């Protein structure tokens, strides 16, 4: 079991934000360089923004809970 659950949540949120930034900034590194289709870049960017949003939301909820306690 995990002893420090809040630390795990924070690292999970950071990992989600890092994955989102990677999808936004470097879709050419993740997909084949020969296929430069608009759909791949569009969906990669949308998923990246979604991951960043989820990561930031998790961090904000965690901060709000720590302020209440």
PDB file of N, CA and C in Angstrom:
ATOM      1  N   UNK A   1       0.839  -1.188   0.000  1.00  0.00           N
ATOM      2  CA  UNK A   1       0.000   0.000   0.000  1.00  0.00           C
ATOM      3  C   UNK A   1       0.879   1.245   0.000  1.00  0.00           C
ATOM      4  N   UNK A   2       0.276   2.305  -0.435  1.00  0.00           N
ATOM      5  CA  UNK A   2       0.984   3.580  -0.484  1.00  0.00           C
ATOM      6  C   UNK A   2       0.796   4.289   0.846  1.00  0.00           C
ATOM      7  N   UNK A   3       1.896   4.725   1.425  1.00  0.00           N
ATOM      8  CA  UNK A   3       1.812   5.414   2.714  1.00  0.00           C
ATOM      9  C   UNK A   3       1.310   6.836   2.555  1.00  0.00           C
ATOM     10  N   UNK A   4       1.844   7.528   1.570  1.00  0.00           N
ATOM     11  CA  UNK A   4       1.512   8.936   1.398  1.00  0.00           C
ATOM     12  C   UNK A   4       0.635   9.093   0.158  1.00  0.00           C
ATOM     13  N   UNK A   5      -0.668   9.051   0.361  1.00  0.00           N
ATOM     14  CA  UNK A   5      -1.607   9.107  -0.754  1.00  0.00           C
ATOM     15  C   UNK A   5      -1.587  10.470  -1.433  1.00  0.00           C
ATOM     16  N   UNK A   6      -1.412  11.540  -0.672  1.00  0.00           N
ATOM     17  CA  UNK A   6      -1.409  12.870  -1.278  1.00  0.00           C
ATOM     18  C   UNK A   6      -0.194  13.062  -2.176  1.00  0.00           C
ATOM     19  N   UNK A   7       0.938  12.491  -1.785  1.00  0.00           N
ATOM     20  CA  UNK A   7       2.121  12.575  -2.631  1.00  0.00           C
ATOM     21  C   UNK A   7       1.932  11.843  -3.947  1.00  0.00           C
ATOM     22  N   UNK A   8       1.262  10.704  -3.887  1.00  0.00           N
ATOM     23  CA  UNK A   8       0.976   9.940  -5.095  1.00  0.00           C
ATOM     24  C   UNK A   8       0.045  10.714  -6.016  1.00  0.00           C
ATOM     25  N   UNK A   9      -0.959  11.361  -5.454  1.00  0.00           N
ATOM     26  CA  UNK A   9      -1.900  12.142  -6.252  1.00  0.00           C
ATOM     27  C   UNK A   9      -1.188  13.309  -6.927  1.00  0.00           C
ATOM     28  N   UNK A  10      -0.299  13.962  -6.203  1.00  0.00           N
ATOM     29  CA  UNK A  10       0.430  15.091  -6.780  1.00  0.00           C
ATOM     30  C   UNK A  10       1.322  14.622  -7.921  1.00  0.00           C
ATOM     31  N   UNK A  11       2.027  13.504  -7.732  1.00  0.00           N
ATOM     32  CA  UNK A  11       2.888  13.001  -8.798  1.00  0.00           C
ATOM     33  C   UNK A  11       2.071  12.518  -9.990  1.00  0.00           C
ATOM     34  N   UNK A  12       0.893  11.962  -9.752  1.00  0.00           N
ATOM     35  CA  UNK A  12       0.022  11.552 -10.843  1.00  0.00           C
ATOM     36  C   UNK A  12      -0.445  12.764 -11.643  1.00  0.00           C
ATOM     37  N   UNK A  13      -0.814  13.837 -10.958  1.00  0.00           N
ATOM     38  CA  UNK A  13      -1.235  15.056 -11.646  1.00  0.00           C
ATOM     39  C   UNK A  13      -0.088  15.645 -12.456  1.00  0.00           C
ATOM     40  N   UNK A  14       1.110  15.631 -11.898  1.00  0.00           N
ATOM     41  CA  UNK A  14       2.274  16.137 -12.636  1.00  0.00           C
ATOM     42  C   UNK A  14       2.549  15.290 -13.870  1.00  0.00           C
ATOM     43  N   UNK A  15       2.405  13.984 -13.744  1.00  0.00           N
ATOM     44  CA  UNK A  15       2.628  13.097 -14.890  1.00  0.00           C
ATOM     45  C   UNK A  15       1.591  13.340 -15.979  1.00  0.00           C
ATOM     46  N   UNK A  16       0.338  13.569 -15.580  1.00  0.00           N
ATOM     47  CA  UNK A  16      -0.702  13.874 -16.563  1.00  0.00           C
ATOM     48  C   UNK A  16      -0.396  15.172 -17.300  1.00  0.00           C
ATOM     49  N   UNK A  17       0.042  16.193 -16.566  1.00  0.00           N
ATOM     50  CA  UNK A  17       0.365  17.464 -17.206  1.00  0.00           C
ATOM     51  C   UNK A  17       1.574  17.321 -18.129  1.00  0.00           C
ATOM     52  N   UNK A  18       2.572  16.548 -17.719  1.00  0.00           N
ATOM     53  CA  UNK A  18       3.745  16.335 -18.568  1.00  0.00           C
ATOM     54  C   UNK A  18       3.358  15.605 -19.854  1.00  0.00           C
ATOM     55  N   UNK A  19       2.505  14.587 -19.738  1.00  0.00           N
ATOM     56  CA  UNK A  19       2.048  13.865 -20.924  1.00  0.00           C
ATOM     57  C   UNK A  19       1.247  14.784 -21.839  1.00  0.00           C
ATOM     58  N   UNK A  20       0.434  15.661 -21.255  1.00  0.00           N
ATOM     59  CA  UNK A  20      -0.327  16.613 -22.057  1.00  0.00           C
ATOM     60  C   UNK A  20       0.566  17.590 -22.787  1.00  0.00           C
ATOM     61  N   UNK A  21       1.588  18.089 -22.108  1.00  0.00           N
ATOM     62  CA  UNK A  21       2.527  19.012 -22.752  1.00  0.00           C
ATOM     63  C   UNK A  21       3.282  18.298 -23.862  1.00  0.00           C
ATOM     64  N   UNK A  22       3.658  17.056 -23.631  1.00  0.00           N
ATOM     65  CA  UNK A  22       4.349  16.285 -24.657  1.00  0.00           C
ATOM     66  C   UNK A  22       3.466  16.094 -25.886  1.00  0.00           C
ATOM     67  N   UNK A  23       2.193  15.815 -25.680  1.00  0.00           N
ATOM     68  CA  UNK A  23       1.283  15.658 -26.817  1.00  0.00           C
ATOM     69  C   UNK A  23       1.056  16.976 -27.551  1.00  0.00           C
ATOM     70  N   UNK A  24       1.076  18.090 -26.834  1.00  0.00           N
ATOM     71  CA  UNK A  24       0.889  19.382 -27.490  1.00  0.00           C
ATOM     72  C   UNK A  24       2.123  19.815 -28.273  1.00  0.00           C
ATOM     73  N   UNK A  25       3.290  19.626 -27.680  1.00  0.00           N
ATOM     74  CA  UNK A  25       4.508  20.188 -28.251  1.00  0.00           C
ATOM     75  C   UNK A  25       5.138  19.278 -29.302  1.00  0.00           C
ATOM     76  N   UNK A  26       5.116  17.988 -29.084  1.00  0.00           N
ATOM     77  CA  UNK A  26       5.899  17.098 -29.935  1.00  0.00           C
ATOM     78  C   UNK A  26       5.083  15.986 -30.589  1.00  0.00           C
ATOM     79  N   UNK A  27       4.042  16.304 -31.342  1.00  0.00           N
ATOM     80  CA  UNK A  27       3.315  15.211 -32.000  1.00  0.00           C
ATOM     81  C   UNK A  27       4.127  14.559 -33.110  1.00  0.00           C
ATOM     82  N   UNK A  28       5.080  15.293 -33.712  1.00  0.00           N
ATOM     83  CA  UNK A  28       5.906  14.702 -34.767  1.00  0.00           C
ATOM     84  C   UNK A  28       6.821  13.619 -34.227  1.00  0.00           C
ATOM     85  N   UNK A  29       7.234  13.744 -32.973  1.00  0.00           N
ATOM     86  CA  UNK A  29       8.089  12.714 -32.386  1.00  0.00           C
ATOM     87  C   UNK A  29       7.300  11.465 -32.031  1.00  0.00           C
ATOM     88  N   UNK A  30       6.018  11.627 -31.767  1.00  0.00           N
ATOM     89  CA  UNK A  30       5.197  10.491 -31.361  1.00  0.00           C
ATOM     90  C   UNK A  30       4.620   9.729 -32.548  1.00  0.00           C
ATOM     91  N   UNK A  31       4.349  10.438 -33.636  1.00  0.00           N
ATOM     92  CA  UNK A  31       3.774   9.804 -34.821  1.00  0.00           C
ATOM     93  C   UNK A  31       4.823   9.743 -35.916  1.00  0.00           C
ATOM     94  N   UNK A  32       4.550   9.014 -36.955  1.00  0.00           N
ATOM     95  CA  UNK A  32       5.490   8.896 -38.069  1.00  0.00           C
ATOM     96  C   UNK A  32       5.671  10.252 -38.736  1.00  0.00           C
ATOM     97  N   UNK A  33       6.902  10.548 -39.104  1.00  0.00           N
ATOM     98  CA  UNK A  33       7.191  11.842 -39.726  1.00  0.00           C
ATOM     99  C   UNK A  33       6.647  11.914 -41.146  1.00  0.00           C
ATOM    100  N   UNK A  34       6.438  10.772 -41.795  1.00  0.00           N
ATOM    101  CA  UNK A  34       5.973  10.788 -43.182  1.00  0.00           C
ATOM    102  C   UNK A  34       4.488  11.122 -43.280  1.00  0.00           C
ATOM    103  N   UNK A  35       3.721  10.805 -42.269  1.00  0.00           N
ATOM    104  CA  UNK A  35       2.284  11.086 -42.321  1.00  0.00           C
ATOM    105  C   UNK A  35       1.992  12.333 -41.511  1.00  0.00           C
ATOM    106  N   UNK A  36       1.873  13.438 -42.185  1.00  0.00           N
ATOM    107  CA  UNK A  36       1.583  14.700 -41.505  1.00  0.00           C
ATOM    108  C   UNK A  36       0.108  15.037 -41.734  1.00  0.00           C
ATOM    109  N   UNK A  37      -0.732  14.222 -41.169  1.00  0.00           N
ATOM    110  CA  UNK A  37      -2.157  14.438 -41.338  1.00  0.00           C
ATOM    111  C   UNK A  37      -2.660  15.387 -40.266  1.00  0.00           C
ATOM    112  N   UNK A  38      -3.614  16.194 -40.670  1.00  0.00           N
ATOM    113  CA  UNK A  38      -4.183  17.174 -39.750  1.00  0.00           C
ATOM    114  C   UNK A  38      -4.877  16.495 -38.581  1.00  0.00           C
ATOM    115  N   UNK A  39      -5.547  15.391 -38.839  1.00  0.00           N
ATOM    116  CA  UNK A  39      -6.310  14.717 -37.785  1.00  0.00           C
ATOM    117  C   UNK A  39      -5.427  14.260 -36.636  1.00  0.00           C
ATOM    118  N   UNK A  40      -4.265  13.706 -36.959  1.00  0.00           N
ATOM    119  CA  UNK A  40      -3.382  13.223 -35.902  1.00  0.00           C
ATOM    120  C   UNK A  40      -2.932  14.368 -35.011  1.00  0.00           C
ATOM    121  N   UNK A  41      -2.550  15.482 -35.624  1.00  0.00           N
ATOM    122  CA  UNK A  41      -2.081  16.614 -34.836  1.00  0.00           C
ATOM    123  C   UNK A  41      -3.225  17.247 -34.048  1.00  0.00           C
ATOM    124  N   UNK A  42      -4.403  17.319 -34.659  1.00  0.00           N
ATOM    125  CA  UNK A  42      -5.558  17.908 -33.983  1.00  0.00           C
ATOM    126  C   UNK A  42      -5.950  17.084 -32.763  1.00  0.00           C
ATOM    127  N   UNK A  43      -6.094  15.779 -32.951  1.00  0.00           N
ATOM    128  CA  UNK A  43      -6.499  14.930 -31.830  1.00  0.00           C
ATOM    129  C   UNK A  43      -5.408  14.839 -30.770  1.00  0.00           C
ATOM    130  N   UNK A  44      -4.159  14.858 -31.200  1.00  0.00           N
ATOM    131  CA  UNK A  44      -3.058  14.860 -30.239  1.00  0.00           C
ATOM    132  C   UNK A  44      -3.115  16.119 -29.379  1.00  0.00           C
ATOM    133  N   UNK A  45      -3.363  17.259 -30.004  1.00  0.00           N
ATOM    134  CA  UNK A  45      -3.473  18.507 -29.255  1.00  0.00           C
ATOM    135  C   UNK A  45      -4.667  18.521 -28.319  1.00  0.00           C
ATOM    136  N   UNK A  46      -5.793  17.996 -28.786  1.00  0.00           N
ATOM    137  CA  UNK A  46      -6.987  17.967 -27.941  1.00  0.00           C
ATOM    138  C   UNK A  46      -6.783  17.054 -26.731  1.00  0.00           C
ATOM    139  N   UNK A  47      -6.197  15.899 -26.941  1.00  0.00           N
ATOM    140  CA  UNK A  47      -5.932  14.994 -25.820  1.00  0.00           C
ATOM    141  C   UNK A  47      -4.911  15.611 -24.877  1.00  0.00           C
ATOM    142  N   UNK A  48      -3.913  16.297 -25.444  1.00  0.00           N
ATOM    143  CA  UNK A  48      -2.922  16.971 -24.610  1.00  0.00           C
ATOM    144  C   UNK A  48      -3.547  18.033 -23.727  1.00  0.00           C
ATOM    145  N   UNK A  49      -4.436  18.850 -24.308  1.00  0.00           N
ATOM    146  CA  UNK A  49      -5.101  19.886 -23.509  1.00  0.00           C
ATOM    147  C   UNK A  49      -5.995  19.267 -22.441  1.00  0.00           C
ATOM    148  N   UNK A  50      -6.648  18.161 -22.769  1.00  0.00           N
ATOM    149  CA  UNK A  50      -7.490  17.474 -21.791  1.00  0.00           C
ATOM    150  C   UNK A  50      -6.660  16.942 -20.624  1.00  0.00           C
ATOM    151  N   UNK A  51      -5.501  16.361 -20.918  1.00  0.00           N
ATOM    152  CA  UNK A  51      -4.642  15.847 -19.850  1.00  0.00           C
ATOM    153  C   UNK A  51      -4.124  16.970 -18.963  1.00  0.00           C
ATOM    154  N   UNK A  52      -3.759  18.097 -19.573  1.00  0.00           N
ATOM    155  CA  UNK A  52      -3.302  19.244 -18.785  1.00  0.00           C
ATOM    156  C   UNK A  52      -4.436  19.747 -17.898  1.00  0.00           C
ATOM    157  N   UNK A  53      -5.650  19.841 -18.447  1.00  0.00           N
ATOM    158  CA  UNK A  53      -6.803  20.302 -17.678  1.00  0.00           C
ATOM    159  C   UNK A  53      -7.072  19.380 -16.487  1.00  0.00           C
ATOM    160  N   UNK A  54      -7.018  18.073 -16.716  1.00  0.00           N
ATOM    161  CA  UNK A  54      -7.261  17.119 -15.626  1.00  0.00           C
ATOM    162  C   UNK A  54      -6.173  17.239 -14.566  1.00  0.00           C
ATOM    163  N   UNK A  55      -4.925  17.373 -14.984  1.00  0.00           N
ATOM    164  CA  UNK A  55      -3.834  17.509 -14.025  1.00  0.00           C
ATOM    165  C   UNK A  55      -3.951  18.758 -13.176  1.00  0.00           C
ATOM    166  N   UNK A  56      -4.265  19.884 -13.807  1.00  0.00           N
ATOM    167  CA  UNK A  56      -4.419  21.138 -13.062  1.00  0.00           C
ATOM    168  C   UNK A  56      -5.614  21.055 -12.121  1.00  0.00           C
ATOM    169  N   UNK A  57      -6.706  20.448 -12.577  1.00  0.00           N
ATOM    170  CA  UNK A  57      -7.887  20.308 -11.730  1.00  0.00           C
ATOM    171  C   UNK A  57      -7.592  19.448 -10.507  1.00  0.00           C
ATOM    172  N   UNK A  58      -6.863  18.363 -10.695  1.00  0.00           N
ATOM    173  CA  UNK A  58      -6.505  17.503  -9.560  1.00  0.00           C
ATOM    174  C   UNK A  58      -5.658  18.276  -8.560  1.00  0.00           C
ATOM    175  N   UNK A  59      -4.700  19.062  -9.053  1.00  0.00           N
ATOM    176  CA  UNK A  59      -3.860  19.848  -8.146  1.00  0.00           C
ATOM    177  C   UNK A  59      -4.673  20.907  -7.398  1.00  0.00           C
ATOM    178  N   UNK A  60      -5.623  21.543  -8.090  1.00  0.00           N
ATOM    179  CA  UNK A  60      -6.449  22.558  -7.426  1.00  0.00           C
ATOM    180  C   UNK A  60      -7.357  21.938  -6.372  1.00  0.00           C
ATOM    181  N   UNK A  61      -7.933  20.788  -6.673  1.00  0.00           N
ATOM    182  CA  UNK A  61      -8.790  20.107  -5.698  1.00  0.00           C
ATOM    183  C   UNK A  61      -7.966  19.684  -4.495  1.00  0.00           C
ATOM    184  N   UNK A  62      -6.770  19.193  -4.734  1.00  0.00           N
ATOM    185  CA  UNK A  62      -5.888  18.785  -3.628  1.00  0.00           C
ATOM    186  C   UNK A  62      -5.517  19.981  -2.759  1.00  0.00           C
ATOM    187  N   UNK A  63      -5.233  21.124  -3.392  1.00  0.00           N
ATOM    188  CA  UNK A  63      -4.888  22.330  -2.632  1.00  0.00           C
ATOM    189  C   UNK A  63      -6.078  22.808  -1.809  1.00  0.00           C
ATOM    190  N   UNK A  64      -7.285  22.749  -2.389  1.00  0.00           N
ATOM    191  CA  UNK A  64      -8.484  23.180  -1.669  1.00  0.00           C
ATOM    192  C   UNK A  64      -8.740  22.284  -0.458  1.00  0.00           C
ATOM    193  N   UNK A  65      -8.553  20.975  -0.623  1.00  0.00           N
ATOM    194  CA  UNK A  65      -8.752  20.060   0.502  1.00  0.00           C
ATOM    195  C   UNK A  65      -7.733  20.298   1.603  1.00  0.00           C
ATOM    196  N   UNK A  66      -6.497  20.617   1.226  1.00  0.00           N
ATOM    197  CA  UNK A  66      -5.482  20.862   2.255  1.00  0.00           C
ATOM    198  C   UNK A  66      -5.744  22.178   2.981  1.00  0.00           C
ATOM    199  N   UNK A  67      -6.346  23.162   2.307  1.00  0.00           N
ATOM    200  CA  UNK A  67      -6.696  24.421   2.977  1.00  0.00           C
ATOM    201  C   UNK A  67      -7.840  24.218   3.960  1.00  0.00           C
ATOM    202  N   UNK A  68      -8.770  23.324   3.629  1.00  0.00           N
ATOM    203  CA  UNK A  68      -9.899  23.063   4.521  1.00  0.00           C
ATOM    204  C   UNK A  68      -9.450  22.345   5.789  1.00  0.00           C
ATOM    205  N   UNK A  69      -8.455  21.515   5.664  1.00  0.00           N
ATOM    206  CA  UNK A  69      -7.965  20.777   6.837  1.00  0.00           C
ATOM    207  C   UNK A  69      -7.024  21.660   7.581  1.00  0.00           C
TER     208      UNK A  69
END
